[in-house]
Amino acid sequence: MSERQYLPTCQLGGYRSRASNRVARISGPAYREAMFPLRDENPTELLPFVTFALILANVAVWLFVQGAGSGQTFLESLCQYGAIPGEVTGSIPEGTTVSLGPGATCRVGGLQTGSVLTSMFMHGSWMHLIGNMWFLWVFGNNIEDSMGHARYLVFYLLTGALASAAHIVAEPGSAIPTVGASGAISGIMGAYIVLYPNVRVLTFVIIRVVALPAWVLLAYWFFLQVMGSRAAAAGEGGGVAFWAHIGGFVAGVVLVKLFEKRKLVRAKRAGHVLTRDEMGRWDRW
């Protein structure tokens, strides 16, 4: 098995990531729709350092691996680390070239399952990165608070992988690289709607800020993904991997009870701050 090879055929100069929708599918929350969460009214007990670390990792990859979305570096990152469904399923023959835009192609190198993981840390534009990281911060810190640090990290990576699997099943022969953290973030949102459906989330709705129950905001977001998948099936998807969002969200709903720590969740729901003795040595992990 050979590795993928990025093949620039001309100098791209100022080619910016705002064109990325034409060269890759993005996996990112529909943060430009009518509702945008600002913060939740759900204080945390643990320092969410895994959530911090995930945000920093995504930002670092964007800046230092993807060149902040500009030129050859950005396109090469899509080729090397984006998840290509047809490559994972083996339906694209080794050596096939995939267009990444004007003057740039990616030569497929055979089965590359590792891209399911690496694609979670890639993004298609500044707005794609910022939107994903904002959703991760708003909802992720409380899920980390409810699982402990180690379980939360495993949950994040697992739901992200299952989200990629859902997209691959939906488009098994696609040659378009898929990038974005929101398959995993969708899993976090699925967990949130199960654990804290009635927590109020301050949400920007069109021209005003409204406190909505989490289940209203998240159910609306999920509805958008379902409708988006239907539009994509009709050829109007706009380059968004809707099935990754749906798969990640469903995975989060299904798996959260296997990962939650009931002592932590009960305390949060009751508004009780656990002491170090009450929490125990390992509950935070």
Foldseek 3Di string as FASTA:
>chain_A
DDAKDKDFQDWPPFDFLVCQLVFFFEAAFPCVDQKHFDAFPFDFQDDQVLLVVLLVLLVCCCVPQLVQGGTPSNLVCLQRQFDFLQQQLVVDDQQDWADRDPRIIMGHHHHDLVSLQRQLSHGRHPVRSVRRSSLCVRQVSVLLRFQARPLSVVQLRVQSSQLVVQLSVVPNNGRGGYHHNQLSSLLSLLLCCVLQQQTWTFMRGNHDTDTDGSVVVNVVSLVVLVVLVVCVVVVNNSSYSSSSSNRSNVSSNVCSVVRGDVVSSVCSVVVHRDDDVRCDDPNND
